[in-house]
Amino acid sequence: MVGGIMSNSLALLSDAVHNLSDTSSLGISWLARRIAAKERTPSHSFGFKRAEVLASLVNTVALVGIGLFLLVEAGRKFYHPEPVVGGVMLVVAVIGLLGNLFTAWLLHGDSKESLNIRSAYLHIVMDTLSSVGVIAAAILMMLFGWYWLDPLLTLVVSLYVLRESWPLLKTSVHILMQGTPEGIDVKKIIAAVEERNDVIDMHHVHIWTTDGKELFLEAHVTLCDSMKNSTDGMLESISRQIRDVFSISHVTLQIEFGACIGGRCSGND
């Protein structure tokens, strides 16, 4: 940030702000990983895995805020370009690039498994690309005096930040709102269970995830009266079908005959 102020470069300053936000986001991500690893308790029966989703949301919201701020500043400076000290800008940008490359290498493997780490990794990748752009812009400004490259580069980076942040923000909010996980078709699950000759219907179906990986399902299943003496076997059979076919690890079923405790009679929509 000092280098951005000394060189009068908005692009370098934006790169520094990104690095600062990434440092804080990595700290939040690390803390969330520690919390998520804690054992479940009576007061937190689902455990603490959703802490990583919360961290992802916080990081992404911060990134969107930074992107909007830089977008406004780039527009202002684009109409009023100012000279930039290219030498200072170049040296600081190279140091930032090396740090970003090292951090991206450290996070790459785990970014495929965790929404939380993916958000932190995305921060670093964007900063790495930003550093490359800043280095190129610094060289061109030193050679040709193209100072308009500074706000232009900031504009491009901020638009990229906003575009890449939206899917991650959408996914985090969807999980926290207990939306049906991506790739899960509730109608297919109901149809598969109701194809069984001993099942009348399946209703009150709820499917959610705590962290984007672990899936939960709860539902009411109405059986034929002839199955009253075989409920344990049916419960195990249907649960195994749902786990094996649809990869849902936690299945909770309520077996019913005739009336539904939740207020719905079997056979009705």
C-alpha atoms as a PDB file:
ATOM      1  CA  MET A   1       0.000   0.000   0.000  1.00  0.00           C
ATOM      2  CA  VAL A   2       2.910   2.316   0.733  1.00  0.00           C
ATOM      3  CA  GLY A   3       4.310   1.492  -2.700  1.00  0.00           C
ATOM      4  CA  GLY A   4       0.972   2.331  -4.329  1.00  0.00           C
ATOM      5  CA  ILE A   5       0.847   5.706  -2.590  1.00  0.00           C
ATOM      6  CA  MET A   6       4.504   6.512  -3.379  1.00  0.00           C
ATOM      7  CA  SER A   7       4.119   5.583  -7.046  1.00  0.00           C
ATOM      8  CA  ASN A   8       0.650   7.215  -7.344  1.00  0.00           C
ATOM      9  CA  SER A   9      -0.629   3.987  -8.901  1.00  0.00           C
ATOM     10  CA  LEU A  10      -4.248   2.996  -8.343  1.00  0.00           C
ATOM     11  CA  ALA A  11      -3.564  -0.405  -9.940  1.00  0.00           C
ATOM     12  CA  LEU A  12      -0.755  -1.118  -7.474  1.00  0.00           C
ATOM     13  CA  LEU A  13      -2.866   0.182  -4.597  1.00  0.00           C
ATOM     14  CA  SER A  14      -5.740  -2.090  -5.656  1.00  0.00           C
ATOM     15  CA  ASP A  15      -3.308  -5.013  -5.775  1.00  0.00           C
ATOM     16  CA  ALA A  16      -2.170  -4.133  -2.241  1.00  0.00           C
ATOM     17  CA  VAL A  17      -5.765  -3.908  -0.993  1.00  0.00           C
ATOM     18  CA  HIS A  18      -6.405  -7.340  -2.526  1.00  0.00           C
ATOM     19  CA  ASN A  19      -3.407  -8.747  -0.702  1.00  0.00           C
ATOM     20  CA  LEU A  20      -4.583  -7.207   2.554  1.00  0.00           C
ATOM     21  CA  SER A  21      -8.053  -8.688   2.106  1.00  0.00           C
ATOM     22  CA  ASP A  22      -6.494 -12.045   1.223  1.00  0.00           C
ATOM     23  CA  THR A  23      -4.423 -12.034   4.399  1.00  0.00           C
ATOM     24  CA  SER A  24      -7.538 -11.466   6.465  1.00  0.00           C
ATOM     25  CA  SER A  25      -9.528 -14.010   4.431  1.00  0.00           C
ATOM     26  CA  LEU A  26      -6.834 -16.647   4.932  1.00  0.00           C
ATOM     27  CA  GLY A  27      -6.954 -15.952   8.659  1.00  0.00           C
ATOM     28  CA  ILE A  28     -10.738 -16.340   8.635  1.00  0.00           C
ATOM     29  CA  SER A  29     -10.476 -19.516   6.543  1.00  0.00           C
ATOM     30  CA  TRP A  30      -7.896 -21.017   8.896  1.00  0.00           C
ATOM     31  CA  LEU A  31     -10.074 -20.219  11.914  1.00  0.00           C
ATOM     32  CA  ALA A  32     -13.133 -21.704  10.164  1.00  0.00           C
ATOM     33  CA  ARG A  33     -11.235 -24.924   9.414  1.00  0.00           C
ATOM     34  CA  ARG A  34     -10.303 -25.219  13.092  1.00  0.00           C
ATOM     35  CA  ILE A  35     -13.913 -24.644  14.160  1.00  0.00           C
ATOM     36  CA  ALA A  36     -15.295 -27.062  11.536  1.00  0.00           C
ATOM     37  CA  ALA A  37     -13.028 -29.846  12.851  1.00  0.00           C
ATOM     38  CA  LYS A  38     -14.588 -29.692  16.316  1.00  0.00           C
ATOM     39  CA  GLU A  39     -16.781 -32.583  17.428  1.00  0.00           C
ATOM     40  CA  ARG A  40     -20.542 -32.070  17.490  1.00  0.00           C
ATOM     41  CA  THR A  41     -22.127 -31.226  20.829  1.00  0.00           C
ATOM     42  CA  PRO A  42     -25.658 -31.506  22.261  1.00  0.00           C
ATOM     43  CA  SER A  43     -26.186 -27.813  21.524  1.00  0.00           C
ATOM     44  CA  HIS A  44     -24.701 -28.155  17.997  1.00  0.00           C
ATOM     45  CA  SER A  45     -25.965 -31.558  16.876  1.00  0.00           C
ATOM     46  CA  PHE A  46     -24.948 -31.018  13.240  1.00  0.00           C
ATOM     47  CA  GLY A  47     -21.412 -30.113  14.228  1.00  0.00           C
ATOM     48  CA  PHE A  48     -19.539 -26.998  13.133  1.00  0.00           C
ATOM     49  CA  LYS A  49     -18.868 -27.673   9.455  1.00  0.00           C
ATOM     50  CA  ARG A  50     -21.050 -24.774   8.355  1.00  0.00           C
ATOM     51  CA  ALA A  51     -18.407 -22.423   9.799  1.00  0.00           C
ATOM     52  CA  GLU A  52     -16.511 -22.871   6.527  1.00  0.00           C
ATOM     53  CA  VAL A  53     -19.541 -21.756   4.516  1.00  0.00           C
ATOM     54  CA  LEU A  54     -19.907 -18.706   6.742  1.00  0.00           C
ATOM     55  CA  ALA A  55     -16.233 -17.905   6.185  1.00  0.00           C
ATOM     56  CA  SER A  56     -16.731 -18.250   2.437  1.00  0.00           C
ATOM     57  CA  LEU A  57     -19.661 -15.825   2.600  1.00  0.00           C
ATOM     58  CA  VAL A  58     -17.697 -13.258   4.618  1.00  0.00           C
ATOM     59  CA  ASN A  59     -14.708 -13.476   2.272  1.00  0.00           C
ATOM     60  CA  THR A  60     -16.824 -13.213  -0.860  1.00  0.00           C
ATOM     61  CA  VAL A  61     -18.872 -10.261   0.406  1.00  0.00           C
ATOM     62  CA  ALA A  62     -15.618  -8.475   1.257  1.00  0.00           C
ATOM     63  CA  LEU A  63     -14.292  -9.219  -2.220  1.00  0.00           C
ATOM     64  CA  VAL A  64     -17.440  -7.830  -3.861  1.00  0.00           C
ATOM     65  CA  GLY A  65     -17.153  -4.677  -1.764  1.00  0.00           C
ATOM     66  CA  ILE A  66     -13.529  -4.193  -2.802  1.00  0.00           C
ATOM     67  CA  GLY A  67     -14.403  -4.802  -6.446  1.00  0.00           C
ATOM     68  CA  LEU A  68     -17.134  -2.139  -6.394  1.00  0.00           C
ATOM     69  CA  PHE A  69     -14.862   0.374  -4.662  1.00  0.00           C
ATOM     70  CA  LEU A  70     -12.084  -0.132  -7.211  1.00  0.00           C
ATOM     71  CA  LEU A  71     -14.587   0.110 -10.049  1.00  0.00           C
ATOM     72  CA  VAL A  72     -15.667   3.565  -8.899  1.00  0.00           C
ATOM     73  CA  GLU A  73     -12.093   4.737  -8.290  1.00  0.00           C
ATOM     74  CA  ALA A  74     -10.944   3.462 -11.691  1.00  0.00           C
ATOM     75  CA  GLY A  75     -13.734   5.386 -13.412  1.00  0.00           C
ATOM     76  CA  ARG A  76     -12.780   8.564 -11.572  1.00  0.00           C
ATOM     77  CA  LYS A  77      -9.095   8.282 -12.383  1.00  0.00           C
ATOM     78  CA  PHE A  78      -9.756   7.261 -15.974  1.00  0.00           C
ATOM     79  CA  TYR A  79     -11.177  10.730 -16.657  1.00  0.00           C
ATOM     80  CA  HIS A  80      -8.399  12.415 -14.677  1.00  0.00           C
ATOM     81  CA  PRO A  81      -5.197  10.397 -15.347  1.00  0.00           C
ATOM     82  CA  GLU A  82      -2.164  11.250 -13.241  1.00  0.00           C
ATOM     83  CA  PRO A  83       1.560  10.466 -13.713  1.00  0.00           C
ATOM     84  CA  VAL A  84       2.776   7.220 -12.144  1.00  0.00           C
ATOM     85  CA  VAL A  85       6.285   6.422 -10.840  1.00  0.00           C
ATOM     86  CA  GLY A  86       6.815   3.249 -12.896  1.00  0.00           C
ATOM     87  CA  GLY A  87      10.039   2.080 -11.210  1.00  0.00           C
ATOM     88  CA  VAL A  88       8.545   1.865  -7.715  1.00  0.00           C
ATOM     89  CA  MET A  89       5.394   0.333  -9.142  1.00  0.00           C
ATOM     90  CA  LEU A  90       7.388  -2.369 -10.967  1.00  0.00           C
ATOM     91  CA  VAL A  91       9.547  -3.433  -8.009  1.00  0.00           C
ATOM     92  CA  VAL A  92       6.648  -3.664  -5.566  1.00  0.00           C
ATOM     93  CA  ALA A  93       4.472  -5.524  -8.104  1.00  0.00           C
ATOM     94  CA  VAL A  94       7.182  -8.168  -8.663  1.00  0.00           C
ATOM     95  CA  ILE A  95       7.467  -8.771  -4.908  1.00  0.00           C
ATOM     96  CA  GLY A  96       3.682  -9.097  -4.701  1.00  0.00           C
ATOM     97  CA  LEU A  97       3.621 -11.541  -7.624  1.00  0.00           C
ATOM     98  CA  LEU A  98       6.160 -13.858  -6.000  1.00  0.00           C
ATOM     99  CA  GLY A  99       4.207 -13.911  -2.750  1.00  0.00           C
ATOM    100  CA  ASN A 100       0.925 -14.592  -4.559  1.00  0.00           C
ATOM    101  CA  LEU A 101       2.396 -17.431  -6.622  1.00  0.00           C
ATOM    102  CA  PHE A 102       3.744 -19.153  -3.529  1.00  0.00           C
ATOM    103  CA  THR A 103       0.442 -18.853  -1.657  1.00  0.00           C
ATOM    104  CA  ALA A 104      -1.574 -20.070  -4.669  1.00  0.00           C
ATOM    105  CA  TRP A 105       0.672 -23.133  -4.881  1.00  0.00           C
ATOM    106  CA  LEU A 106       0.052 -23.894  -1.198  1.00  0.00           C
ATOM    107  CA  LEU A 107      -3.742 -23.655  -1.520  1.00  0.00           C
ATOM    108  CA  HIS A 108      -4.278 -25.301  -4.915  1.00  0.00           C
ATOM    109  CA  GLY A 109      -4.763 -28.894  -3.728  1.00  0.00           C
ATOM    110  CA  ASP A 110      -7.261 -28.209  -0.926  1.00  0.00           C
ATOM    111  CA  SER A 111      -9.246 -25.714  -3.043  1.00  0.00           C
ATOM    112  CA  LYS A 112     -10.883 -28.651  -4.867  1.00  0.00           C
ATOM    113  CA  GLU A 113     -12.320 -30.117  -1.661  1.00  0.00           C
ATOM    114  CA  SER A 114     -13.507 -27.136   0.392  1.00  0.00           C
ATOM    115  CA  LEU A 115     -15.775 -24.203  -0.461  1.00  0.00           C
ATOM    116  CA  ASN A 116     -13.982 -22.221   2.215  1.00  0.00           C
ATOM    117  CA  ILE A 117     -10.487 -22.877   0.820  1.00  0.00           C
ATOM    118  CA  ARG A 118     -11.782 -22.330  -2.727  1.00  0.00           C
ATOM    119  CA  SER A 119     -12.870 -18.790  -1.814  1.00  0.00           C
ATOM    120  CA  ALA A 120      -9.436 -18.048  -0.307  1.00  0.00           C
ATOM    121  CA  TYR A 121      -7.720 -19.619  -3.324  1.00  0.00           C
ATOM    122  CA  LEU A 122      -9.847 -17.486  -5.646  1.00  0.00           C
ATOM    123  CA  HIS A 123      -8.652 -14.377  -3.817  1.00  0.00           C
ATOM    124  CA  ILE A 124      -5.033 -15.391  -4.390  1.00  0.00           C
ATOM    125  CA  VAL A 125      -5.482 -16.299  -8.065  1.00  0.00           C
ATOM    126  CA  MET A 126      -7.075 -12.941  -8.770  1.00  0.00           C
ATOM    127  CA  ASP A 127      -4.252 -11.155  -6.983  1.00  0.00           C
ATOM    128  CA  THR A 128      -1.709 -13.136  -8.996  1.00  0.00           C
ATOM    129  CA  LEU A 129      -3.346 -12.096 -12.270  1.00  0.00           C
ATOM    130  CA  SER A 130      -3.572  -8.545 -10.990  1.00  0.00           C
ATOM    131  CA  SER A 131       0.154  -8.515 -10.159  1.00  0.00           C
ATOM    132  CA  VAL A 132       1.028  -9.712 -13.668  1.00  0.00           C
ATOM    133  CA  GLY A 133      -1.103  -6.931 -15.130  1.00  0.00           C
ATOM    134  CA  VAL A 134       0.475  -4.336 -12.854  1.00  0.00           C
ATOM    135  CA  ILE A 135       3.973  -5.420 -13.903  1.00  0.00           C
ATOM    136  CA  ALA A 136       3.062  -5.180 -17.592  1.00  0.00           C
ATOM    137  CA  ALA A 137       1.405  -1.793 -17.084  1.00  0.00           C
ATOM    138  CA  ALA A 138       4.418  -0.478 -15.141  1.00  0.00           C
ATOM    139  CA  ILE A 139       6.779  -1.429 -17.968  1.00  0.00           C
ATOM    140  CA  LEU A 140       4.553   0.163 -20.623  1.00  0.00           C
ATOM    141  CA  MET A 141       4.138   3.360 -18.592  1.00  0.00           C
ATOM    142  CA  MET A 142       7.900   3.596 -18.107  1.00  0.00           C
ATOM    143  CA  LEU A 143       8.533   3.108 -21.836  1.00  0.00           C
ATOM    144  CA  PHE A 144       5.677   5.068 -23.408  1.00  0.00           C
ATOM    145  CA  GLY A 145       4.071   7.162 -20.654  1.00  0.00           C
ATOM    146  CA  TRP A 146       0.693   5.459 -21.085  1.00  0.00           C
ATOM    147  CA  TYR A 147      -0.698   6.484 -17.696  1.00  0.00           C
ATOM    148  CA  TRP A 148      -4.240   5.658 -18.727  1.00  0.00           C
ATOM    149  CA  LEU A 149      -3.247   1.986 -18.383  1.00  0.00           C
ATOM    150  CA  ASP A 150      -3.327   2.360 -14.597  1.00  0.00           C
ATOM    151  CA  PRO A 151      -7.104   2.993 -14.247  1.00  0.00           C
ATOM    152  CA  LEU A 152      -7.839   0.711 -17.203  1.00  0.00           C
ATOM    153  CA  LEU A 153      -6.096  -2.206 -15.519  1.00  0.00           C
ATOM    154  CA  THR A 154      -7.910  -1.480 -12.256  1.00  0.00           C
ATOM    155  CA  LEU A 155     -11.211  -1.438 -14.156  1.00  0.00           C
ATOM    156  CA  VAL A 156     -10.504  -4.828 -15.744  1.00  0.00           C
ATOM    157  CA  VAL A 157      -9.425  -6.403 -12.442  1.00  0.00           C
ATOM    158  CA  SER A 158     -12.454  -5.095 -10.542  1.00  0.00           C
ATOM    159  CA  LEU A 159     -14.870  -6.395 -13.203  1.00  0.00           C
ATOM    160  CA  TYR A 160     -13.153  -9.784 -13.093  1.00  0.00           C
ATOM    161  CA  VAL A 161     -13.407  -9.841  -9.303  1.00  0.00           C
ATOM    162  CA  LEU A 162     -17.143  -9.160  -9.431  1.00  0.00           C
ATOM    163  CA  ARG A 163     -17.784 -11.753 -12.146  1.00  0.00           C
ATOM    164  CA  GLU A 164     -15.886 -14.514 -10.349  1.00  0.00           C
ATOM    165  CA  SER A 165     -17.334 -13.681  -6.933  1.00  0.00           C
ATOM    166  CA  TRP A 166     -20.988 -14.004  -7.933  1.00  0.00           C
ATOM    167  CA  PRO A 167     -21.162 -17.843  -8.291  1.00  0.00           C
ATOM    168  CA  LEU A 168     -19.340 -18.345  -4.983  1.00  0.00           C
ATOM    169  CA  LEU A 169     -21.602 -15.844  -3.224  1.00  0.00           C
ATOM    170  CA  LYS A 170     -24.680 -17.520  -4.700  1.00  0.00           C
ATOM    171  CA  THR A 171     -23.529 -20.993  -3.597  1.00  0.00           C
ATOM    172  CA  SER A 172     -22.717 -19.877  -0.051  1.00  0.00           C
ATOM    173  CA  VAL A 173     -26.103 -18.178   0.399  1.00  0.00           C
ATOM    174  CA  HIS A 174     -27.897 -21.206  -1.102  1.00  0.00           C
ATOM    175  CA  ILE A 175     -26.264 -23.544   1.434  1.00  0.00           C
ATOM    176  CA  LEU A 176     -26.976 -21.246   4.375  1.00  0.00           C
ATOM    177  CA  MET A 177     -30.613 -20.984   3.252  1.00  0.00           C
ATOM    178  CA  GLN A 178     -30.721 -24.806   3.284  1.00  0.00           C
ATOM    179  CA  GLY A 179     -31.489 -25.007  -0.401  1.00  0.00           C
ATOM    180  CA  THR A 180     -31.508 -28.361  -2.168  1.00  0.00           C
ATOM    181  CA  PRO A 181     -27.873 -29.206  -3.037  1.00  0.00           C
ATOM    182  CA  GLU A 182     -26.814 -28.786  -6.654  1.00  0.00           C
ATOM    183  CA  GLY A 183     -27.200 -31.953  -8.719  1.00  0.00           C
ATOM    184  CA  ILE A 184     -29.924 -33.437  -6.508  1.00  0.00           C
ATOM    185  CA  ASP A 185     -33.324 -34.001  -8.152  1.00  0.00           C
ATOM    186  CA  VAL A 186     -35.973 -34.409  -5.433  1.00  0.00           C
ATOM    187  CA  LYS A 187     -38.586 -35.676  -7.909  1.00  0.00           C
ATOM    188  CA  LYS A 188     -36.279 -38.486  -9.025  1.00  0.00           C
ATOM    189  CA  ILE A 189     -35.717 -39.614  -5.436  1.00  0.00           C
ATOM    190  CA  ILE A 190     -39.459 -39.624  -4.722  1.00  0.00           C
ATOM    191  CA  ALA A 191     -40.184 -41.503  -7.963  1.00  0.00           C
ATOM    192  CA  ALA A 192     -37.515 -44.126  -7.210  1.00  0.00           C
ATOM    193  CA  VAL A 193     -38.914 -44.820  -3.734  1.00  0.00           C
ATOM    194  CA  GLU A 194     -42.545 -44.829  -4.878  1.00  0.00           C
ATOM    195  CA  GLU A 195     -41.729 -47.398  -7.598  1.00  0.00           C
ATOM    196  CA  ARG A 196     -41.500 -50.002  -4.824  1.00  0.00           C
ATOM    197  CA  ASN A 197     -44.631 -52.154  -4.588  1.00  0.00           C
ATOM    198  CA  ASP A 198     -44.782 -51.825  -0.808  1.00  0.00           C
ATOM    199  CA  VAL A 199     -44.618 -47.998  -0.784  1.00  0.00           C
ATOM    200  CA  ILE A 200     -47.769 -45.878  -1.172  1.00  0.00           C
ATOM    201  CA  ASP A 201     -46.021 -42.524  -1.294  1.00  0.00           C
ATOM    202  CA  MET A 202     -43.123 -40.393  -0.065  1.00  0.00           C
ATOM    203  CA  HIS A 203     -43.719 -36.822   1.122  1.00  0.00           C
ATOM    204  CA  HIS A 204     -42.414 -34.019   3.360  1.00  0.00           C
ATOM    205  CA  VAL A 205     -39.024 -34.486   1.684  1.00  0.00           C
ATOM    206  CA  HIS A 206     -36.230 -32.159   2.807  1.00  0.00           C
ATOM    207  CA  ILE A 207     -32.658 -32.333   1.462  1.00  0.00           C
ATOM    208  CA  TRP A 208     -29.839 -30.046   2.548  1.00  0.00           C
ATOM    209  CA  THR A 209     -26.102 -29.838   3.127  1.00  0.00           C
ATOM    210  CA  THR A 210     -24.058 -28.409   5.959  1.00  0.00           C
ATOM    211  CA  ASP A 211     -20.854 -27.664   4.061  1.00  0.00           C
ATOM    212  CA  GLY A 212     -21.426 -28.371   0.358  1.00  0.00           C
ATOM    213  CA  LYS A 213     -20.245 -31.990   0.653  1.00  0.00           C
ATOM    214  CA  GLU A 214     -22.187 -33.818   3.375  1.00  0.00           C
ATOM    215  CA  LEU A 215     -25.828 -34.403   2.318  1.00  0.00           C
ATOM    216  CA  PHE A 216     -28.848 -34.942   4.577  1.00  0.00           C
ATOM    217  CA  LEU A 217     -32.366 -36.188   3.755  1.00  0.00           C
ATOM    218  CA  GLU A 218     -35.457 -36.488   5.881  1.00  0.00           C
ATOM    219  CA  ALA A 219     -38.894 -37.632   4.671  1.00  0.00           C
ATOM    220  CA  HIS A 220     -42.137 -39.400   5.513  1.00  0.00           C
ATOM    221  CA  VAL A 221     -42.785 -42.719   3.766  1.00  0.00           C
ATOM    222  CA  THR A 222     -46.251 -44.302   3.780  1.00  0.00           C
ATOM    223  CA  LEU A 223     -46.237 -48.104   3.516  1.00  0.00           C
ATOM    224  CA  CYS A 224     -48.937 -50.635   2.712  1.00  0.00           C
ATOM    225  CA  ASP A 225     -50.728 -52.128   5.734  1.00  0.00           C
ATOM    226  CA  SER A 226     -49.225 -55.515   4.890  1.00  0.00           C
ATOM    227  CA  MET A 227     -45.781 -54.160   5.827  1.00  0.00           C
ATOM    228  CA  LYS A 228     -46.640 -53.343   9.456  1.00  0.00           C
ATOM    229  CA  ASN A 229     -44.631 -56.305  10.689  1.00  0.00           C
ATOM    230  CA  SER A 230     -41.633 -55.501   8.477  1.00  0.00           C
ATOM    231  CA  THR A 231     -40.972 -51.830   9.193  1.00  0.00           C
ATOM    232  CA  ASP A 232     -37.377 -52.327  10.344  1.00  0.00           C
ATOM    233  CA  GLY A 233     -36.441 -54.160   7.161  1.00  0.00           C
ATOM    234  CA  MET A 234     -38.244 -51.637   4.952  1.00  0.00           C
ATOM    235  CA  LEU A 235     -36.595 -48.721   6.726  1.00  0.00           C
ATOM    236  CA  GLU A 236     -33.156 -50.196   6.160  1.00  0.00           C
ATOM    237  CA  SER A 237     -33.899 -51.123   2.539  1.00  0.00           C
ATOM    238  CA  ILE A 238     -35.227 -47.704   1.515  1.00  0.00           C
ATOM    239  CA  SER A 239     -32.452 -45.872   3.381  1.00  0.00           C
ATOM    240  CA  ARG A 240     -29.795 -48.001   1.662  1.00  0.00           C
ATOM    241  CA  GLN A 241     -31.407 -47.341  -1.736  1.00  0.00           C
ATOM    242  CA  ILE A 242     -31.277 -43.583  -1.208  1.00  0.00           C
ATOM    243  CA  ARG A 243     -27.680 -43.683   0.075  1.00  0.00           C
ATOM    244  CA  ASP A 244     -26.368 -45.915  -2.716  1.00  0.00           C
ATOM    245  CA  VAL A 245     -28.249 -44.487  -5.708  1.00  0.00           C
ATOM    246  CA  PHE A 246     -28.246 -40.785  -4.821  1.00  0.00           C
ATOM    247  CA  SER A 247     -25.086 -40.553  -2.630  1.00  0.00           C
ATOM    248  CA  ILE A 248     -26.917 -39.052   0.345  1.00  0.00           C
ATOM    249  CA  SER A 249     -24.990 -40.031   3.453  1.00  0.00           C
ATOM    250  CA  HIS A 250     -27.501 -39.160   6.198  1.00  0.00           C
ATOM    251  CA  VAL A 251     -31.045 -40.498   5.666  1.00  0.00           C
ATOM    252  CA  THR A 252     -33.836 -40.094   8.237  1.00  0.00           C
ATOM    253  CA  LEU A 253     -37.224 -41.631   7.376  1.00  0.00           C
ATOM    254  CA  GLN A 254     -40.508 -41.621   9.262  1.00  0.00           C
ATOM    255  CA  ILE A 255     -42.592 -44.698   8.447  1.00  0.00           C
ATOM    256  CA  GLU A 256     -46.375 -44.200   8.387  1.00  0.00           C
ATOM    257  CA  PHE A 257     -49.564 -46.148   7.721  1.00  0.00           C
ATOM    258  CA  GLY A 258     -52.644 -44.114   6.703  1.00  0.00           C
ATOM    259  CA  ALA A 259     -52.494 -40.778   8.562  1.00  0.00           C
ATOM    260  CA  CYS A 260     -49.497 -38.464   8.465  1.00  0.00           C
ATOM    261  CA  ILE A 261     -48.377 -36.902  11.717  1.00  0.00           C
ATOM    262  CA  GLY A 262     -47.250 -33.836   9.785  1.00  0.00           C
ATOM    263  CA  GLY A 263     -50.822 -33.093   8.681  1.00  0.00           C
ATOM    264  CA  ARG A 264     -51.005 -34.872   5.327  1.00  0.00           C
ATOM    265  CA  CYS A 265     -52.989 -38.035   4.629  1.00  0.00           C
ATOM    266  CA  SER A 266     -51.321 -40.681   2.515  1.00  0.00           C
ATOM    267  CA  GLY A 267     -52.276 -40.760  -1.132  1.00  0.00           C
ATOM    268  CA  ASN A 268     -52.962 -36.984  -1.321  1.00  0.00           C
ATOM    269  CA  ASP A 269     -50.691 -34.305  -2.798  1.00  0.00           C
END
